[in-house]
C-alpha atoms as a PDB file:
ATOM      1  CA  MET A   1     -26.128 109.373-129.783  1.00  0.00           C
ATOM      2  CA  GLY A   2     -24.272 107.264-132.280  1.00  0.00           C
ATOM      3  CA  GLY A   3     -22.461 107.781-135.562  1.00  0.00           C
ATOM      4  CA  SER A   4     -24.749 110.597-136.711  1.00  0.00           C
ATOM      5  CA  THR A   5     -23.498 112.957-134.020  1.00  0.00           C
ATOM      6  CA  THR A   6     -19.849 112.166-134.677  1.00  0.00           C
ATOM      7  CA  GLY A   7     -20.451 112.642-138.393  1.00  0.00           C
ATOM      8  CA  TYR A   8     -22.024 116.024-137.699  1.00  0.00           C
ATOM      9  CA  ARG A   9     -19.243 116.909-135.302  1.00  0.00           C
ATOM     10  CA  GLY A  10     -16.691 115.887-137.904  1.00  0.00           C
ATOM     11  CA  LYS A  11     -18.265 118.131-140.536  1.00  0.00           C
ATOM     12  CA  GLU A  12     -18.517 120.971-138.061  1.00  0.00           C
ATOM     13  CA  PHE A  13     -14.886 120.489-137.092  1.00  0.00           C
ATOM     14  CA  ALA A  14     -13.768 120.403-140.716  1.00  0.00           C
ATOM     15  CA  LEU A  15     -15.596 123.661-141.381  1.00  0.00           C
ATOM     16  CA  LEU A  16     -14.168 125.204-138.234  1.00  0.00           C
ATOM     17  CA  SER A  17     -10.596 124.202-138.999  1.00  0.00           C
ATOM     18  CA  LYS A  18     -10.936 125.426-142.585  1.00  0.00           C
ATOM     19  CA  GLY A  19     -12.287 128.739-141.330  1.00  0.00           C
ATOM     20  CA  HIS A  20      -9.606 128.854-138.658  1.00  0.00           C
ATOM     21  CA  ALA A  21      -6.847 128.381-141.208  1.00  0.00           C
ATOM     22  CA  ARG A  22      -8.215 131.308-143.195  1.00  0.00           C
ATOM     23  CA  PHE A  23      -8.582 133.359-140.031  1.00  0.00           C
ATOM     24  CA  ALA A  24      -5.066 132.470-138.867  1.00  0.00           C
ATOM     25  CA  ARG A  25      -3.613 133.591-142.195  1.00  0.00           C
ATOM     26  CA  HIS A  26      -5.591 136.827-141.998  1.00  0.00           C
ATOM     27  CA  ALA A  27      -4.586 137.385-138.368  1.00  0.00           C
ATOM     28  CA  GLY A  28      -0.971 136.698-139.296  1.00  0.00           C
ATOM     29  CA  ILE A  29      -1.052 139.458-141.885  1.00  0.00           C
ATOM     30  CA  LEU A  30      -2.698 141.829-139.406  1.00  0.00           C
ATOM     31  CA  HIS A  31      -0.142 140.853-136.774  1.00  0.00           C
ATOM     32  CA  GLN A  32       2.719 141.606-139.158  1.00  0.00           C
ATOM     33  CA  ARG A  33       1.256 145.000-139.996  1.00  0.00           C
ATOM     34  CA  ALA A  34       0.693 145.770-136.335  1.00  0.00           C
ATOM     35  CA  GLY A  35       4.279 144.754-135.625  1.00  0.00           C
ATOM     36  CA  VAL A  36       5.601 147.072-138.315  1.00  0.00           C
ATOM     37  CA  LEU A  37       3.403 149.866-137.031  1.00  0.00           C
ATOM     38  CA  ALA A  38       4.556 149.330-133.447  1.00  0.00           C
ATOM     39  CA  TYR A  39       8.160 149.277-134.654  1.00  0.00           C
ATOM     40  CA  LEU A  40       7.743 152.565-136.495  1.00  0.00           C
ATOM     41  CA  ILE A  41       6.007 154.179-133.528  1.00  0.00           C
ATOM     42  CA  SER A  42       8.674 153.030-131.074  1.00  0.00           C
ATOM     43  CA  ASN A  43      11.385 154.344-133.399  1.00  0.00           C
ATOM     44  CA  ASP A  44       9.567 157.676-133.583  1.00  0.00           C
ATOM     45  CA  CYS A  45       9.437 157.860-129.802  1.00  0.00           C
ATOM     46  CA  ALA A  46      13.115 156.965-129.478  1.00  0.00           C
ATOM     47  CA  VAL A  47      14.222 159.716-131.851  1.00  0.00           C
END
């Protein structure tokens, strides 16, 4: 349970954070679109 596990964990973490950054960017775009959609829908309901 020495350096090999931490090395593996480090690689795993690097992959995860890289994937998370990509996911966060993607989710941000989706969130923006959802926000615009919600805005349009709420404006429709208000009118």
